[in-house]
Amino acid sequence: MTRVRPEGDRRVLLVELTPTGRERLGAARAIHRDGIAHDFGDQIPRTQLPALVDAIAGVRTHARSLRPGSVSGP
């Protein structure tokens, strides 16, 4: 991770991932996804998956609006 103060505003501190940080984040994401699949996905019978997808569709839509850089609100 690197920290940079932009010239125009000394109150701001930007944080950026280095290439090594991006690699580590990618590895962590893979471990996280595998854990979710094992702990949750593998426990649900395939015949029940369509109902689950329908049930969480609204949560998924809401969560996407919370991603960094997303514009939301009234």
PDB file of N, CA and C in Angstrom:
ATOM      1  N   MET A   1       0.844  -1.155   0.000  1.00  0.00           N
ATOM      2  CA  MET A   1       0.000   0.000   0.000  1.00  0.00           C
ATOM      3  C   MET A   1       0.900   1.232   0.000  1.00  0.00           C
ATOM      4  N   THR A   2       0.478   2.218  -0.745  1.00  0.00           N
ATOM      5  CA  THR A   2       1.195   3.491  -0.736  1.00  0.00           C
ATOM      6  C   THR A   2       0.232   4.584  -0.297  1.00  0.00           C
ATOM      7  N   ARG A   3       0.797   5.620   0.315  1.00  0.00           N
ATOM      8  CA  ARG A   3       0.008   6.779   0.744  1.00  0.00           C
ATOM      9  C   ARG A   3       0.538   7.999   0.018  1.00  0.00           C
ATOM     10  N   VAL A   4      -0.400   8.787  -0.529  1.00  0.00           N
ATOM     11  CA  VAL A   4      -0.011   9.970  -1.302  1.00  0.00           C
ATOM     12  C   VAL A   4      -0.890  11.141  -0.893  1.00  0.00           C
ATOM     13  N   ARG A   5      -0.284  12.286  -0.671  1.00  0.00           N
ATOM     14  CA  ARG A   5      -1.043  13.523  -0.414  1.00  0.00           C
ATOM     15  C   ARG A   5      -1.084  14.329  -1.711  1.00  0.00           C
ATOM     16  N   PRO A   6      -2.272  14.577  -2.231  1.00  0.00           N
ATOM     17  CA  PRO A   6      -2.367  15.384  -3.450  1.00  0.00           C
ATOM     18  C   PRO A   6      -1.950  16.831  -3.185  1.00  0.00           C
ATOM     19  N   GLU A   7      -1.405  17.471  -4.194  1.00  0.00           N
ATOM     20  CA  GLU A   7      -0.910  18.848  -4.039  1.00  0.00           C
ATOM     21  C   GLU A   7      -2.014  19.838  -3.707  1.00  0.00           C
ATOM     22  N   GLY A   8      -3.206  19.658  -4.269  1.00  0.00           N
ATOM     23  CA  GLY A   8      -4.268  20.647  -4.118  1.00  0.00           C
ATOM     24  C   GLY A   8      -4.944  20.671  -2.761  1.00  0.00           C
ATOM     25  N   ASP A   9      -4.823  19.620  -1.977  1.00  0.00           N
ATOM     26  CA  ASP A   9      -5.536  19.567  -0.704  1.00  0.00           C
ATOM     27  C   ASP A   9      -4.743  18.716   0.277  1.00  0.00           C
ATOM     28  N   ARG A  10      -4.060  19.353   1.192  1.00  0.00           N
ATOM     29  CA  ARG A  10      -3.206  18.641   2.147  1.00  0.00           C
ATOM     30  C   ARG A  10      -3.997  17.882   3.204  1.00  0.00           C
ATOM     31  N   ARG A  11      -5.316  18.096   3.244  1.00  0.00           N
ATOM     32  CA  ARG A  11      -6.147  17.360   4.200  1.00  0.00           C
ATOM     33  C   ARG A  11      -6.400  15.927   3.730  1.00  0.00           C
ATOM     34  N   VAL A  12      -6.201  15.695   2.447  1.00  0.00           N
ATOM     35  CA  VAL A  12      -6.529  14.405   1.838  1.00  0.00           C
ATOM     36  C   VAL A  12      -5.327  13.482   1.862  1.00  0.00           C
ATOM     37  N   LEU A  13      -5.579  12.226   2.135  1.00  0.00           N
ATOM     38  CA  LEU A  13      -4.551  11.202   2.060  1.00  0.00           C
ATOM     39  C   LEU A  13      -5.111  10.073   1.202  1.00  0.00           C
ATOM     40  N   LEU A  14      -4.530   9.877   0.024  1.00  0.00           N
ATOM     41  CA  LEU A  14      -4.960   8.810  -0.872  1.00  0.00           C
ATOM     42  C   LEU A  14      -4.168   7.552  -0.566  1.00  0.00           C
ATOM     43  N   VAL A  15      -4.853   6.429  -0.611  1.00  0.00           N
ATOM     44  CA  VAL A  15      -4.214   5.144  -0.362  1.00  0.00           C
ATOM     45  C   VAL A  15      -4.417   4.292  -1.605  1.00  0.00           C
ATOM     46  N   GLU A  16      -3.329   3.714  -2.100  1.00  0.00           N
ATOM     47  CA  GLU A  16      -3.397   2.876  -3.288  1.00  0.00           C
ATOM     48  C   GLU A  16      -2.720   1.544  -3.006  1.00  0.00           C
ATOM     49  N   LEU A  17      -3.269   0.493  -3.611  1.00  0.00           N
ATOM     50  CA  LEU A  17      -2.631  -0.808  -3.489  1.00  0.00           C
ATOM     51  C   LEU A  17      -1.443  -0.889  -4.439  1.00  0.00           C
ATOM     52  N   THR A  18      -0.380  -1.465  -3.965  1.00  0.00           N
ATOM     53  CA  THR A  18       0.781  -1.728  -4.809  1.00  0.00           C
ATOM     54  C   THR A  18       0.496  -3.006  -5.606  1.00  0.00           C
ATOM     55  N   PRO A  19       1.302  -3.305  -6.620  1.00  0.00           N
ATOM     56  CA  PRO A  19       1.109  -4.568  -7.339  1.00  0.00           C
ATOM     57  C   PRO A  19       1.144  -5.783  -6.398  1.00  0.00           C
ATOM     58  N   THR A  20       2.031  -5.770  -5.414  1.00  0.00           N
ATOM     59  CA  THR A  20       2.079  -6.872  -4.446  1.00  0.00           C
ATOM     60  C   THR A  20       0.787  -6.920  -3.640  1.00  0.00           C
ATOM     61  N   GLY A  21       0.276  -5.762  -3.260  1.00  0.00           N
ATOM     62  CA  GLY A  21      -0.985  -5.705  -2.525  1.00  0.00           C
ATOM     63  C   GLY A  21      -2.141  -6.242  -3.342  1.00  0.00           C
ATOM     64  N   ARG A  22      -2.152  -5.949  -4.641  1.00  0.00           N
ATOM     65  CA  ARG A  22      -3.208  -6.467  -5.519  1.00  0.00           C
ATOM     66  C   ARG A  22      -3.140  -7.993  -5.599  1.00  0.00           C
ATOM     67  N   GLU A  23      -1.934  -8.533  -5.676  1.00  0.00           N
ATOM     68  CA  GLU A  23      -1.774  -9.992  -5.705  1.00  0.00           C
ATOM     69  C   GLU A  23      -2.291 -10.616  -4.416  1.00  0.00           C
ATOM     70  N   ARG A  24      -1.944 -10.021  -3.284  1.00  0.00           N
ATOM     71  CA  ARG A  24      -2.391 -10.554  -1.992  1.00  0.00           C
ATOM     72  C   ARG A  24      -3.904 -10.457  -1.847  1.00  0.00           C
ATOM     73  N   LEU A  25      -4.477  -9.363  -2.330  1.00  0.00           N
ATOM     74  CA  LEU A  25      -5.926  -9.214  -2.269  1.00  0.00           C
ATOM     75  C   LEU A  25      -6.599 -10.278  -3.134  1.00  0.00           C
ATOM     76  N   GLY A  26      -6.053 -10.529  -4.307  1.00  0.00           N
ATOM     77  CA  GLY A  26      -6.608 -11.578  -5.170  1.00  0.00           C
ATOM     78  C   GLY A  26      -6.570 -12.940  -4.506  1.00  0.00           C
ATOM     79  N   ALA A  27      -5.460 -13.255  -3.848  1.00  0.00           N
ATOM     80  CA  ALA A  27      -5.340 -14.535  -3.141  1.00  0.00           C
ATOM     81  C   ALA A  27      -6.344 -14.606  -1.989  1.00  0.00           C
ATOM     82  N   ALA A  28      -6.505 -13.514  -1.266  1.00  0.00           N
ATOM     83  CA  ALA A  28      -7.453 -13.486  -0.150  1.00  0.00           C
ATOM     84  C   ALA A  28      -8.885 -13.651  -0.651  1.00  0.00           C
ATOM     85  N   ARG A  29      -9.201 -13.039  -1.784  1.00  0.00           N
ATOM     86  CA  ARG A  29     -10.553 -13.171  -2.344  1.00  0.00           C
ATOM     87  C   ARG A  29     -10.848 -14.622  -2.698  1.00  0.00           C
ATOM     88  N   ALA A  30      -9.879 -15.304  -3.275  1.00  0.00           N
ATOM     89  CA  ALA A  30     -10.076 -16.704  -3.643  1.00  0.00           C
ATOM     90  C   ALA A  30     -10.345 -17.551  -2.403  1.00  0.00           C
ATOM     91  N   ILE A  31      -9.595 -17.327  -1.345  1.00  0.00           N
ATOM     92  CA  ILE A  31      -9.805 -18.069  -0.094  1.00  0.00           C
ATOM     93  C   ILE A  31     -11.183 -17.754   0.484  1.00  0.00           C
ATOM     94  N   HIS A  32     -11.556 -16.487   0.437  1.00  0.00           N
ATOM     95  CA  HIS A  32     -12.860 -16.057   0.954  1.00  0.00           C
ATOM     96  C   HIS A  32     -13.996 -16.730   0.169  1.00  0.00           C
ATOM     97  N   ARG A  33     -13.914 -16.710  -1.166  1.00  0.00           N
ATOM     98  CA  ARG A  33     -14.950 -17.336  -1.996  1.00  0.00           C
ATOM     99  C   ARG A  33     -15.055 -18.832  -1.728  1.00  0.00           C
ATOM    100  N   ASP A  34     -13.907 -19.495  -1.595  1.00  0.00           N
ATOM    101  CA  ASP A  34     -13.917 -20.933  -1.314  1.00  0.00           C
ATOM    102  C   ASP A  34     -14.588 -21.215   0.027  1.00  0.00           C
ATOM    103  N   GLY A  35     -14.309 -20.379   1.019  1.00  0.00           N
ATOM    104  CA  GLY A  35     -14.922 -20.558   2.329  1.00  0.00           C
ATOM    105  C   GLY A  35     -16.421 -20.367   2.283  1.00  0.00           C
ATOM    106  N   ILE A  36     -16.875 -19.360   1.552  1.00  0.00           N
ATOM    107  CA  ILE A  36     -18.316 -19.127   1.427  1.00  0.00           C
ATOM    108  C   ILE A  36     -18.977 -20.301   0.714  1.00  0.00           C
ATOM    109  N   ALA A  37     -18.349 -20.768  -0.356  1.00  0.00           N
ATOM    110  CA  ALA A  37     -18.910 -21.912  -1.083  1.00  0.00           C
ATOM    111  C   ALA A  37     -19.017 -23.132  -0.182  1.00  0.00           C
ATOM    112  N   HIS A  38     -17.994 -23.392   0.587  1.00  0.00           N
ATOM    113  CA  HIS A  38     -17.988 -24.563   1.470  1.00  0.00           C
ATOM    114  C   HIS A  38     -18.983 -24.414   2.615  1.00  0.00           C
ATOM    115  N   ASP A  39     -18.957 -23.274   3.280  1.00  0.00           N
ATOM    116  CA  ASP A  39     -19.774 -23.087   4.476  1.00  0.00           C
ATOM    117  C   ASP A  39     -21.253 -22.841   4.190  1.00  0.00           C
ATOM    118  N   PHE A  40     -21.549 -22.307   3.014  1.00  0.00           N
ATOM    119  CA  PHE A  40     -22.940 -21.980   2.707  1.00  0.00           C
ATOM    120  C   PHE A  40     -23.442 -22.700   1.459  1.00  0.00           C
ATOM    121  N   GLY A  41     -22.797 -22.442   0.343  1.00  0.00           N
ATOM    122  CA  GLY A  41     -23.275 -22.986  -0.932  1.00  0.00           C
ATOM    123  C   GLY A  41     -23.356 -24.493  -0.971  1.00  0.00           C
ATOM    124  N   ASP A  42     -22.383 -25.173  -0.424  1.00  0.00           N
ATOM    125  CA  ASP A  42     -22.371 -26.632  -0.460  1.00  0.00           C
ATOM    126  C   ASP A  42     -23.400 -27.233   0.496  1.00  0.00           C
ATOM    127  N   GLN A  43     -23.981 -26.435   1.367  1.00  0.00           N
ATOM    128  CA  GLN A  43     -24.936 -26.933   2.351  1.00  0.00           C
ATOM    129  C   GLN A  43     -26.382 -26.844   1.866  1.00  0.00           C
ATOM    130  N   ILE A  44     -26.603 -26.199   0.730  1.00  0.00           N
ATOM    131  CA  ILE A  44     -27.956 -25.985   0.220  1.00  0.00           C
ATOM    132  C   ILE A  44     -28.207 -26.962  -0.928  1.00  0.00           C
ATOM    133  N   PRO A  45     -29.266 -27.745  -0.842  1.00  0.00           N
ATOM    134  CA  PRO A  45     -29.570 -28.661  -1.942  1.00  0.00           C
ATOM    135  C   PRO A  45     -29.805 -27.891  -3.241  1.00  0.00           C
ATOM    136  N   ARG A  46     -29.315 -28.429  -4.331  1.00  0.00           N
ATOM    137  CA  ARG A  46     -29.426 -27.743  -5.634  1.00  0.00           C
ATOM    138  C   ARG A  46     -30.878 -27.427  -6.001  1.00  0.00           C
ATOM    139  N   THR A  47     -31.790 -28.258  -5.568  1.00  0.00           N
ATOM    140  CA  THR A  47     -33.198 -28.010  -5.892  1.00  0.00           C
ATOM    141  C   THR A  47     -33.734 -26.756  -5.200  1.00  0.00           C
ATOM    142  N   GLN A  48     -33.066 -26.307  -4.141  1.00  0.00           N
ATOM    143  CA  GLN A  48     -33.514 -25.117  -3.410  1.00  0.00           C
ATOM    144  C   GLN A  48     -32.809 -23.841  -3.855  1.00  0.00           C
ATOM    145  N   LEU A  49     -31.807 -23.962  -4.715  1.00  0.00           N
ATOM    146  CA  LEU A  49     -31.051 -22.780  -5.134  1.00  0.00           C
ATOM    147  C   LEU A  49     -31.904 -21.730  -5.848  1.00  0.00           C
ATOM    148  N   PRO A  50     -32.785 -22.088  -6.775  1.00  0.00           N
ATOM    149  CA  PRO A  50     -33.597 -21.038  -7.417  1.00  0.00           C
ATOM    150  C   PRO A  50     -34.407 -20.213  -6.418  1.00  0.00           C
ATOM    151  N   ALA A  51     -34.963 -20.844  -5.415  1.00  0.00           N
ATOM    152  CA  ALA A  51     -35.740 -20.111  -4.397  1.00  0.00           C
ATOM    153  C   ALA A  51     -34.835 -19.173  -3.613  1.00  0.00           C
ATOM    154  N   LEU A  52     -33.627 -19.626  -3.300  1.00  0.00           N
ATOM    155  CA  LEU A  52     -32.684 -18.784  -2.571  1.00  0.00           C
ATOM    156  C   LEU A  52     -32.277 -17.570  -3.407  1.00  0.00           C
ATOM    157  N   VAL A  53     -32.004 -17.793  -4.673  1.00  0.00           N
ATOM    158  CA  VAL A  53     -31.629 -16.688  -5.561  1.00  0.00           C
ATOM    159  C   VAL A  53     -32.745 -15.654  -5.621  1.00  0.00           C
ATOM    160  N   ASP A  54     -33.973 -16.109  -5.764  1.00  0.00           N
ATOM    161  CA  ASP A  54     -35.112 -15.183  -5.779  1.00  0.00           C
ATOM    162  C   ASP A  54     -35.229 -14.419  -4.469  1.00  0.00           C
ATOM    163  N   ALA A  55     -35.000 -15.114  -3.353  1.00  0.00           N
ATOM    164  CA  ALA A  55     -35.164 -14.494  -2.037  1.00  0.00           C
ATOM    165  C   ALA A  55     -34.135 -13.404  -1.778  1.00  0.00           C
ATOM    166  N   ILE A  56     -32.927 -13.553  -2.300  1.00  0.00           N
ATOM    167  CA  ILE A  56     -31.880 -12.569  -1.995  1.00  0.00           C
ATOM    168  C   ILE A  56     -31.650 -11.557  -3.118  1.00  0.00           C
ATOM    169  N   ALA A  57     -32.479 -11.569  -4.142  1.00  0.00           N
ATOM    170  CA  ALA A  57     -32.297 -10.639  -5.260  1.00  0.00           C
ATOM    171  C   ALA A  57     -32.320  -9.180  -4.800  1.00  0.00           C
ATOM    172  N   GLY A  58     -33.232  -8.844  -3.905  1.00  0.00           N
ATOM    173  CA  GLY A  58     -33.311  -7.467  -3.414  1.00  0.00           C
ATOM    174  C   GLY A  58     -32.093  -7.068  -2.604  1.00  0.00           C
ATOM    175  N   VAL A  59     -31.573  -7.989  -1.819  1.00  0.00           N
ATOM    176  CA  VAL A  59     -30.370  -7.717  -1.034  1.00  0.00           C
ATOM    177  C   VAL A  59     -29.187  -7.470  -1.969  1.00  0.00           C
ATOM    178  N   ARG A  60     -29.092  -8.266  -3.010  1.00  0.00           N
ATOM    179  CA  ARG A  60     -27.996  -8.109  -3.978  1.00  0.00           C
ATOM    180  C   ARG A  60     -28.047  -6.732  -4.641  1.00  0.00           C
ATOM    181  N   THR A  61     -29.227  -6.328  -5.050  1.00  0.00           N
ATOM    182  CA  THR A  61     -29.379  -5.015  -5.685  1.00  0.00           C
ATOM    183  C   THR A  61     -28.956  -3.904  -4.726  1.00  0.00           C
ATOM    184  N   HIS A  62     -29.397  -3.995  -3.495  1.00  0.00           N
ATOM    185  CA  HIS A  62     -29.040  -2.986  -2.496  1.00  0.00           C
ATOM    186  C   HIS A  62     -27.533  -2.984  -2.232  1.00  0.00           C
ATOM    187  N   ALA A  63     -26.946  -4.150  -2.089  1.00  0.00           N
ATOM    188  CA  ALA A  63     -25.511  -4.235  -1.788  1.00  0.00           C
ATOM    189  C   ALA A  63     -24.669  -3.638  -2.913  1.00  0.00           C
ATOM    190  N   ARG A  64     -25.090  -3.818  -4.135  1.00  0.00           N
ATOM    191  CA  ARG A  64     -24.338  -3.234  -5.260  1.00  0.00           C
ATOM    192  C   ARG A  64     -24.306  -1.716  -5.180  1.00  0.00           C
ATOM    193  N   SER A  65     -25.367  -1.119  -4.685  1.00  0.00           N
ATOM    194  CA  SER A  65     -25.396   0.341  -4.578  1.00  0.00           C
ATOM    195  C   SER A  65     -24.444   0.845  -3.498  1.00  0.00           C
ATOM    196  N   LEU A  66     -23.990  -0.036  -2.623  1.00  0.00           N
ATOM    197  CA  LEU A  66     -23.096   0.356  -1.535  1.00  0.00           C
ATOM    198  C   LEU A  66     -21.619   0.235  -1.906  1.00  0.00           C
ATOM    199  N   ARG A  67     -21.316  -0.274  -3.085  1.00  0.00           N
ATOM    200  CA  ARG A  67     -19.925  -0.430  -3.491  1.00  0.00           C
ATOM    201  C   ARG A  67     -19.244   0.937  -3.599  1.00  0.00           C
ATOM    202  N   PRO A  68     -17.971   1.004  -3.250  1.00  0.00           N
ATOM    203  CA  PRO A  68     -17.245   2.273  -3.398  1.00  0.00           C
ATOM    204  C   PRO A  68     -17.335   2.790  -4.830  1.00  0.00           C
ATOM    205  N   GLY A  69     -17.584   4.073  -4.954  1.00  0.00           N
ATOM    206  CA  GLY A  69     -17.676   4.689  -6.263  1.00  0.00           C
ATOM    207  C   GLY A  69     -19.081   4.686  -6.839  1.00  0.00           C
ATOM    208  N   SER A  70     -20.004   3.974  -6.194  1.00  0.00           N
ATOM    209  CA  SER A  70     -21.381   3.951  -6.665  1.00  0.00           C
ATOM    210  C   SER A  70     -22.088   5.227  -6.242  1.00  0.00           C
ATOM    211  N   VAL A  71     -22.985   5.666  -7.074  1.00  0.00           N
ATOM    212  CA  VAL A  71     -23.804   6.834  -6.748  1.00  0.00           C
ATOM    213  C   VAL A  71     -25.169   6.319  -6.338  1.00  0.00           C
ATOM    214  N   SER A  72     -25.599   6.693  -5.134  1.00  0.00           N
ATOM    215  CA  SER A  72     -26.920   6.267  -4.682  1.00  0.00           C
ATOM    216  C   SER A  72     -27.545   7.364  -3.854  1.00  0.00           C
ATOM    217  N   GLY A  73     -28.781   7.151  -3.533  1.00  0.00           N
ATOM    218  CA  GLY A  73     -29.488   8.124  -2.698  1.00  0.00           C
ATOM    219  C   GLY A  73     -30.525   8.872  -3.489  1.00  0.00           C
ATOM    220  N   PRO A  74     -31.314   9.705  -2.788  1.00  0.00           N
ATOM    221  CA  PRO A  74     -32.390  10.438  -3.455  1.00  0.00           C
ATOM    222  C   PRO A  74     -31.877  11.502  -4.395  1.00  0.00           C
TER     223      PRO A  74
END
